[in-house]
C-alpha atoms as a PDB file:
ATOM      1  CA  MET A   1      -0.009  -0.012  -0.006  1.00  0.00           C
ATOM      2  CA  THR A   2       1.451   3.379  -1.009  1.00  0.00           C
ATOM      3  CA  THR A   3       2.219   6.117   1.452  1.00  0.00           C
ATOM      4  CA  GLU A   4      -0.330   8.414  -0.271  1.00  0.00           C
ATOM      5  CA  LEU A   5      -3.101   5.848   0.093  1.00  0.00           C
ATOM      6  CA  LEU A   6      -2.249   5.314   3.735  1.00  0.00           C
ATOM      7  CA  TRP A   7      -2.312   9.116   4.253  1.00  0.00           C
ATOM      8  CA  ILE A   8      -5.816   9.226   2.824  1.00  0.00           C
ATOM      9  CA  LEU A   9      -6.926   6.279   5.034  1.00  0.00           C
ATOM     10  CA  MET A  10      -5.405   8.047   8.105  1.00  0.00           C
ATOM     11  CA  LEU A  11      -7.225  11.242   7.184  1.00  0.00           C
ATOM     12  CA  ILE A  12     -10.601   9.355   6.811  1.00  0.00           C
ATOM     13  CA  ALA A  13     -10.060   7.516  10.093  1.00  0.00           C
ATOM     14  CA  ASN A  14      -9.441  10.887  11.933  1.00  0.00           C
ATOM     15  CA  PHE A  15     -12.483  12.491  10.382  1.00  0.00           C
ATOM     16  CA  ALA A  16     -14.676   9.470  11.050  1.00  0.00           C
ATOM     17  CA  ILE A  17     -13.682   9.279  14.733  1.00  0.00           C
ATOM     18  CA  ILE A  18     -14.345  13.031  15.198  1.00  0.00           C
ATOM     19  CA  LEU A  19     -17.744  12.846  13.580  1.00  0.00           C
ATOM     20  CA  GLY A  20     -18.637   9.712  15.501  1.00  0.00           C
ATOM     21  CA  LEU A  21     -17.695  11.257  18.804  1.00  0.00           C
ATOM     22  CA  TYR A  22     -19.650  14.475  18.073  1.00  0.00           C
ATOM     23  CA  ARG A  23     -22.660  12.581  16.755  1.00  0.00           C
ATOM     24  CA  PHE A  24     -23.063  10.370  19.803  1.00  0.00           C
ATOM     25  CA  LEU A  25     -21.493  12.439  22.626  1.00  0.00           C
ATOM     26  CA  GLY A  26     -21.908  15.935  21.434  1.00  0.00           C
ATOM     27  CA  LYS A  27     -19.520  18.629  22.775  1.00  0.00           C
ATOM     28  CA  LEU A  28     -18.091  16.087  25.290  1.00  0.00           C
ATOM     29  CA  GLY A  29     -16.945  13.935  22.396  1.00  0.00           C
ATOM     30  CA  LEU A  30     -14.948  16.748  20.914  1.00  0.00           C
ATOM     31  CA  TYR A  31     -13.346  17.477  24.315  1.00  0.00           C
ATOM     32  CA  ILE A  32     -12.386  13.750  24.437  1.00  0.00           C
ATOM     33  CA  TRP A  33     -10.694  13.905  21.041  1.00  0.00           C
ATOM     34  CA  ILE A  34      -8.484  16.909  21.839  1.00  0.00           C
ATOM     35  CA  PRO A  35      -6.133  15.167  24.274  1.00  0.00           C
ATOM     36  CA  VAL A  36      -6.090  11.999  22.167  1.00  0.00           C
ATOM     37  CA  ALA A  37      -5.081  14.135  19.184  1.00  0.00           C
ATOM     38  CA  VAL A  38      -2.312  16.117  20.812  1.00  0.00           C
ATOM     39  CA  ILE A  39      -0.830  13.129  22.529  1.00  0.00           C
ATOM     40  CA  VAL A  40      -0.874  10.871  19.506  1.00  0.00           C
ATOM     41  CA  ALA A  41       0.428  13.688  17.318  1.00  0.00           C
ATOM     42  CA  ASN A  42       3.430  14.158  19.633  1.00  0.00           C
ATOM     43  CA  ILE A  43       4.205  10.442  19.337  1.00  0.00           C
ATOM     44  CA  GLN A  44       3.733  10.179  15.619  1.00  0.00           C
ATOM     45  CA  VAL A  45       5.737  13.311  14.961  1.00  0.00           C
ATOM     46  CA  VAL A  46       9.010  11.351  15.454  1.00  0.00           C
ATOM     47  CA  LYS A  47       8.296   9.328  12.331  1.00  0.00           C
ATOM     48  CA  TYR A  48       9.157  10.858   8.954  1.00  0.00           C
ATOM     49  CA  VAL A  49       7.427   9.790   5.687  1.00  0.00           C
ATOM     50  CA  GLU A  50       7.580  10.822   2.023  1.00  0.00           C
ATOM     51  CA  ILE A  51       4.315  12.151   0.583  1.00  0.00           C
ATOM     52  CA  LEU A  52       4.170  13.177  -3.073  1.00  0.00           C
ATOM     53  CA  GLY A  53       7.982  13.773  -2.902  1.00  0.00           C
ATOM     54  CA  LEU A  54       7.704  15.866   0.258  1.00  0.00           C
ATOM     55  CA  THR A  55       9.301  14.851   3.559  1.00  0.00           C
ATOM     56  CA  ALA A  56       6.762  15.304   6.326  1.00  0.00           C
ATOM     57  CA  THR A  57       6.166  14.142   9.865  1.00  0.00           C
ATOM     58  CA  LEU A  58       3.356  11.687  10.381  1.00  0.00           C
ATOM     59  CA  GLY A  59       1.715  13.470  13.200  1.00  0.00           C
ATOM     60  CA  ASN A  60       0.475  16.364  11.005  1.00  0.00           C
ATOM     61  CA  ILE A  61      -2.828  14.754  10.193  1.00  0.00           C
ATOM     62  CA  VAL A  62      -3.985  14.037  13.700  1.00  0.00           C
ATOM     63  CA  TYR A  63      -2.601  17.368  14.980  1.00  0.00           C
ATOM     64  CA  ALA A  64      -4.363  19.248  12.209  1.00  0.00           C
ATOM     65  CA  SER A  65      -7.635  17.571  13.132  1.00  0.00           C
ATOM     66  CA  SER A  66      -7.571  19.394  16.426  1.00  0.00           C
ATOM     67  CA  PHE A  67      -8.256  22.619  14.486  1.00  0.00           C
ATOM     68  CA  LEU A  68     -11.329  20.981  12.951  1.00  0.00           C
ATOM     69  CA  VAL A  69     -12.571  20.372  16.537  1.00  0.00           C
ATOM     70  CA  THR A  70     -12.025  23.935  17.694  1.00  0.00           C
ATOM     71  CA  ASP A  71     -13.779  25.198  14.522  1.00  0.00           C
ATOM     72  CA  ILE A  72     -16.849  22.898  15.207  1.00  0.00           C
ATOM     73  CA  LEU A  73     -16.884  24.082  18.774  1.00  0.00           C
ATOM     74  CA  SER A  74     -16.699  27.712  17.715  1.00  0.00           C
ATOM     75  CA  GLU A  75     -19.426  27.303  15.175  1.00  0.00           C
ATOM     76  CA  ASN A  76     -21.791  25.285  17.303  1.00  0.00           C
ATOM     77  CA  HIS A  77     -20.994  26.075  20.904  1.00  0.00           C
ATOM     78  CA  GLY A  78     -19.240  29.452  21.075  1.00  0.00           C
ATOM     79  CA  LYS A  79     -15.847  30.924  21.843  1.00  0.00           C
ATOM     80  CA  SER A  80     -15.769  29.798  25.465  1.00  0.00           C
ATOM     81  CA  ALA A  81     -16.200  26.098  24.484  1.00  0.00           C
ATOM     82  CA  ALA A  82     -13.475  26.335  21.867  1.00  0.00           C
ATOM     83  CA  ARG A  83     -10.987  28.067  24.196  1.00  0.00           C
ATOM     84  CA  LYS A  84     -11.673  25.436  26.888  1.00  0.00           C
ATOM     85  CA  SER A  85     -10.679  22.694  24.362  1.00  0.00           C
ATOM     86  CA  VAL A  86      -7.356  24.529  23.762  1.00  0.00           C
ATOM     87  CA  VAL A  87      -6.634  24.487  27.526  1.00  0.00           C
ATOM     88  CA  ILE A  88      -7.580  20.729  27.729  1.00  0.00           C
ATOM     89  CA  GLY A  89      -5.078  20.011  24.919  1.00  0.00           C
ATOM     90  CA  PHE A  90      -2.348  22.029  26.595  1.00  0.00           C
ATOM     91  CA  VAL A  91      -2.848  20.298  29.930  1.00  0.00           C
ATOM     92  CA  ALA A  92      -2.850  16.910  28.079  1.00  0.00           C
ATOM     93  CA  ILE A  93       0.519  17.601  26.503  1.00  0.00           C
ATOM     94  CA  ILE A  94       2.123  18.718  29.826  1.00  0.00           C
ATOM     95  CA  ALA A  95       0.736  15.753  31.667  1.00  0.00           C
ATOM     96  CA  ALA A  96       1.787  13.139  29.024  1.00  0.00           C
ATOM     97  CA  VAL A  97       5.334  14.556  28.667  1.00  0.00           C
ATOM     98  CA  GLY A  98       5.779  14.946  32.435  1.00  0.00           C
ATOM     99  CA  LEU A  99       4.424  11.466  33.324  1.00  0.00           C
ATOM    100  CA  MET A 100       6.338   9.644  30.607  1.00  0.00           C
ATOM    101  CA  ASN A 101       9.650  11.301  31.509  1.00  0.00           C
ATOM    102  CA  LEU A 102       9.003  10.391  35.175  1.00  0.00           C
ATOM    103  CA  ALA A 103       8.495   6.787  33.995  1.00  0.00           C
ATOM    104  CA  LEU A 104      11.801   6.830  32.234  1.00  0.00           C
ATOM    105  CA  LEU A 105      13.638   7.494  35.553  1.00  0.00           C
ATOM    106  CA  PHE A 106      12.692   4.028  36.835  1.00  0.00           C
ATOM    107  CA  GLU A 107      15.458   1.546  36.509  1.00  0.00           C
ATOM    108  CA  PRO A 108      14.254  -1.067  33.966  1.00  0.00           C
ATOM    109  CA  GLY A 109      14.085  -4.720  35.133  1.00  0.00           C
ATOM    110  CA  GLU A 110      16.056  -7.509  33.581  1.00  0.00           C
ATOM    111  CA  ALA A 111      13.138  -8.582  31.388  1.00  0.00           C
ATOM    112  CA  ASP A 112      12.508  -5.069  30.147  1.00  0.00           C
ATOM    113  CA  PHE A 113      12.774  -4.412  26.472  1.00  0.00           C
ATOM    114  CA  ALA A 114      10.924  -1.094  26.121  1.00  0.00           C
ATOM    115  CA  GLN A 115      13.232   1.378  27.859  1.00  0.00           C
ATOM    116  CA  PRO A 116      15.367   2.423  24.854  1.00  0.00           C
ATOM    117  CA  HIS A 117      12.353   2.678  22.648  1.00  0.00           C
ATOM    118  CA  LEU A 118      10.512   4.783  25.155  1.00  0.00           C
ATOM    119  CA  GLU A 119      13.611   6.992  25.653  1.00  0.00           C
ATOM    120  CA  ALA A 120      13.761   7.543  21.798  1.00  0.00           C
ATOM    121  CA  ILE A 121      10.143   8.758  21.743  1.00  0.00           C
ATOM    122  CA  PHE A 122       9.573  10.493  25.058  1.00  0.00           C
ATOM    123  CA  THR A 123      12.952  11.834  26.238  1.00  0.00           C
ATOM    124  CA  LEU A 124      12.332  15.466  27.074  1.00  0.00           C
ATOM    125  CA  LEU A 125      14.173  17.853  24.763  1.00  0.00           C
ATOM    126  CA  PRO A 126      13.519  21.228  26.319  1.00  0.00           C
ATOM    127  CA  ARG A 127      13.891  23.248  23.078  1.00  0.00           C
ATOM    128  CA  ILE A 128      11.625  20.950  21.028  1.00  0.00           C
ATOM    129  CA  THR A 129       9.092  20.701  23.817  1.00  0.00           C
ATOM    130  CA  GLY A 130       8.970  24.447  24.367  1.00  0.00           C
ATOM    131  CA  ALA A 131       8.641  25.071  20.660  1.00  0.00           C
ATOM    132  CA  SER A 132       5.735  22.621  20.427  1.00  0.00           C
ATOM    133  CA  LEU A 133       3.897  24.134  23.408  1.00  0.00           C
ATOM    134  CA  ALA A 134       4.413  27.698  22.228  1.00  0.00           C
ATOM    135  CA  ALA A 135       3.268  26.784  18.708  1.00  0.00           C
ATOM    136  CA  TYR A 136       0.249  24.965  19.985  1.00  0.00           C
ATOM    137  CA  LEU A 137      -0.974  27.786  22.286  1.00  0.00           C
ATOM    138  CA  LEU A 138      -0.409  30.597  19.780  1.00  0.00           C
ATOM    139  CA  SER A 139      -1.923  28.845  16.803  1.00  0.00           C
ATOM    140  CA  GLN A 140      -4.932  27.371  18.591  1.00  0.00           C
ATOM    141  CA  PHE A 141      -5.903  30.566  20.409  1.00  0.00           C
ATOM    142  CA  HIS A 142      -5.509  32.423  17.118  1.00  0.00           C
ATOM    143  CA  ASP A 143      -7.756  29.913  15.411  1.00  0.00           C
ATOM    144  CA  VAL A 144     -10.576  30.478  17.988  1.00  0.00           C
ATOM    145  CA  TRP A 145     -10.136  34.316  17.754  1.00  0.00           C
ATOM    146  CA  ALA A 146     -10.031  34.289  13.997  1.00  0.00           C
ATOM    147  CA  TYR A 147     -13.045  32.068  13.592  1.00  0.00           C
ATOM    148  CA  HIS A 148     -15.222  34.424  15.526  1.00  0.00           C
ATOM    149  CA  PHE A 149     -13.708  37.392  13.731  1.00  0.00           C
ATOM    150  CA  TRP A 150     -14.892  35.985  10.482  1.00  0.00           C
ATOM    151  CA  MET A 151     -18.187  34.897  12.077  1.00  0.00           C
ATOM    152  CA  ARG A 152     -18.846  38.535  13.073  1.00  0.00           C
ATOM    153  CA  LEU A 153     -17.802  39.835   9.635  1.00  0.00           C
ATOM    154  CA  LEU A 154     -19.525  37.129   7.557  1.00  0.00           C
ATOM    155  CA  PRO A 155     -22.280  35.539   9.607  1.00  0.00           C
ATOM    156  CA  GLY A 156     -24.653  32.866   8.240  1.00  0.00           C
ATOM    157  CA  ARG A 157     -24.244  29.194   7.406  1.00  0.00           C
ATOM    158  CA  ARG A 158     -23.190  29.793   3.823  1.00  0.00           C
ATOM    159  CA  PHE A 159     -19.981  31.501   4.938  1.00  0.00           C
ATOM    160  CA  ILE A 160     -18.797  28.615   7.131  1.00  0.00           C
ATOM    161  CA  TRP A 161     -16.183  27.771   4.528  1.00  0.00           C
ATOM    162  CA  VAL A 162     -14.725  31.269   4.945  1.00  0.00           C
ATOM    163  CA  ARG A 163     -14.680  31.023   8.678  1.00  0.00           C
ATOM    164  CA  ASN A 164     -13.177  27.501   8.656  1.00  0.00           C
ATOM    165  CA  ASN A 165     -10.439  28.113   6.056  1.00  0.00           C
ATOM    166  CA  GLY A 166      -9.809  31.764   6.985  1.00  0.00           C
ATOM    167  CA  SER A 167      -9.017  30.931  10.522  1.00  0.00           C
ATOM    168  CA  THR A 168      -7.373  27.499  10.169  1.00  0.00           C
ATOM    169  CA  LEU A 169      -5.070  28.135   7.239  1.00  0.00           C
ATOM    170  CA  VAL A 170      -3.486  31.215   8.900  1.00  0.00           C
ATOM    171  CA  SER A 171      -3.374  29.349  12.241  1.00  0.00           C
ATOM    172  CA  GLN A 172      -1.590  26.398  10.600  1.00  0.00           C
ATOM    173  CA  LEU A 173       0.988  28.789   9.099  1.00  0.00           C
ATOM    174  CA  ILE A 174       1.574  30.339  12.543  1.00  0.00           C
ATOM    175  CA  ASP A 175       2.033  26.877  14.035  1.00  0.00           C
ATOM    176  CA  SER A 176       4.460  25.771  11.392  1.00  0.00           C
ATOM    177  CA  ILE A 177       6.579  28.937  11.551  1.00  0.00           C
ATOM    178  CA  VAL A 178       6.660  29.226  15.309  1.00  0.00           C
ATOM    179  CA  PHE A 179       7.634  25.632  15.883  1.00  0.00           C
ATOM    180  CA  ALA A 180      10.272  25.499  13.151  1.00  0.00           C
ATOM    181  CA  VAL A 181      11.911  28.815  14.235  1.00  0.00           C
ATOM    182  CA  LEU A 182      11.925  28.068  17.950  1.00  0.00           C
ATOM    183  CA  ALA A 183      13.000  24.389  17.480  1.00  0.00           C
ATOM    184  CA  PHE A 184      15.538  24.643  14.739  1.00  0.00           C
ATOM    185  CA  VAL A 185      16.858  28.125  14.078  1.00  0.00           C
ATOM    186  CA  GLY A 186      20.607  28.151  14.435  1.00  0.00           C
ATOM    187  CA  THR A 187      20.856  24.352  14.129  1.00  0.00           C
ATOM    188  CA  VAL A 188      19.975  23.875  10.455  1.00  0.00           C
ATOM    189  CA  PRO A 189      20.594  25.993   7.285  1.00  0.00           C
ATOM    190  CA  THR A 190      17.965  28.586   6.441  1.00  0.00           C
ATOM    191  CA  SER A 191      16.968  26.726   3.330  1.00  0.00           C
ATOM    192  CA  VAL A 192      16.246  23.584   5.401  1.00  0.00           C
ATOM    193  CA  LEU A 193      14.276  25.639   7.876  1.00  0.00           C
ATOM    194  CA  ILE A 194      12.123  27.090   5.083  1.00  0.00           C
ATOM    195  CA  GLU A 195      11.616  23.562   3.709  1.00  0.00           C
ATOM    196  CA  ILE A 196      10.392  22.339   7.080  1.00  0.00           C
ATOM    197  CA  VAL A 197       7.938  25.184   7.345  1.00  0.00           C
ATOM    198  CA  LEU A 198       6.584  24.707   3.822  1.00  0.00           C
ATOM    199  CA  THR A 199       6.197  20.947   3.893  1.00  0.00           C
ATOM    200  CA  THR A 200       4.469  20.888   7.299  1.00  0.00           C
ATOM    201  CA  PHE A 201       2.202  23.725   6.282  1.00  0.00           C
ATOM    202  CA  VAL A 202       1.191  22.116   2.971  1.00  0.00           C
ATOM    203  CA  VAL A 203       0.142  18.869   4.727  1.00  0.00           C
ATOM    204  CA  LYS A 204      -1.775  20.700   7.435  1.00  0.00           C
ATOM    205  CA  ALA A 205      -3.406  23.022   4.882  1.00  0.00           C
ATOM    206  CA  ALA A 206      -4.560  20.093   2.902  1.00  0.00           C
ATOM    207  CA  VAL A 207      -6.323  18.677   5.995  1.00  0.00           C
ATOM    208  CA  ALA A 208      -7.872  22.132   6.748  1.00  0.00           C
ATOM    209  CA  ILE A 209      -9.319  22.413   3.287  1.00  0.00           C
ATOM    210  CA  LEU A 210     -10.665  18.838   3.154  1.00  0.00           C
ATOM    211  CA  ASP A 211     -12.347  19.172   6.590  1.00  0.00           C
ATOM    212  CA  THR A 212     -14.628  22.014   5.546  1.00  0.00           C
ATOM    213  CA  PRO A 213     -17.635  19.756   4.646  1.00  0.00           C
ATOM    214  CA  LEU A 214     -17.446  18.224   8.096  1.00  0.00           C
ATOM    215  CA  VAL A 215     -17.983  21.681   9.767  1.00  0.00           C
ATOM    216  CA  TYR A 216     -21.045  22.085   7.608  1.00  0.00           C
ATOM    217  CA  LEU A 217     -22.276  18.619   8.590  1.00  0.00           C
ATOM    218  CA  ALA A 218     -21.690  19.220  12.260  1.00  0.00           C
ATOM    219  CA  ALA A 219     -23.573  22.523  11.987  1.00  0.00           C
ATOM    220  CA  SER A 220     -26.562  20.788  10.379  1.00  0.00           C
ATOM    221  CA  TRP A 221     -26.606  18.188  13.197  1.00  0.00           C
ATOM    222  CA  LYS A 222     -26.631  21.044  15.750  1.00  0.00           C
ATOM    223  CA  GLU A 223     -29.435  22.848  13.977  1.00  0.00           C
ATOM    224  CA  ARG A 224     -31.614  19.654  13.877  1.00  0.00           C
ATOM    225  CA  ALA A 225     -30.924  18.965  17.555  1.00  0.00           C
ATOM    226  CA  ASP A 226     -31.838  22.482  18.528  1.00  0.00           C
ATOM    227  CA  ALA A 227     -35.079  22.291  16.396  1.00  0.00           C
ATOM    228  CA  ILE A 228     -36.062  19.097  18.152  1.00  0.00           C
ATOM    229  CA  ASP A 229     -35.340  20.602  21.574  1.00  0.00           C
ATOM    230  CA  GLU A 230     -37.522  23.625  20.719  1.00  0.00           C
ATOM    231  CA  ALA A 231     -40.390  21.404  19.491  1.00  0.00           C
ATOM    232  CA  PHE A 232     -40.487  19.601  22.886  1.00  0.00           C
END
């Protein structure tokens, strides 16, 4: 199976899980997905793959899906709910990194085989971790702010595509630039730094564009649920 086909299957799986959680659990389901997404993304990010000739980290799909969640929350449940999801994700990253690094301090037993693999994935690199946290907070809070900016400017369901893409694409660019600059400036040539920014942004932007119909679908579910509530 080609990498491109696997990428599409990964994208579909992420979208299907998010829709399923929202359909059956509502806002709670989206809150559940946020920590899953940020933790899985920070594990997958250590794996590099080639997609259409571009070198990219695998975690870009699941990480980008967190912006879909904040956009659905912004559209259907308001700014406060969306901002709460950002805080949940931030706490999840801190907790996961802290607990796993504490686990690495334990002396492995004679039968242990996992220690070197866990060290390779979870060993705390202050600069990388700091860059990741800063990029997450700046880009996610910008996404929430920008979504509501566009909502005030262009209200109405038919402009969801503007709100979704107008907020997420800029936020993805902020995320890619902030992370790459804080994590790698001074350690790699400028040309490599630019390539890192461009490749990660292209992958995340593709996810952002493809998830637009899902925001419309989630909005229609919310409208039907509200109509039923009003009827009773």
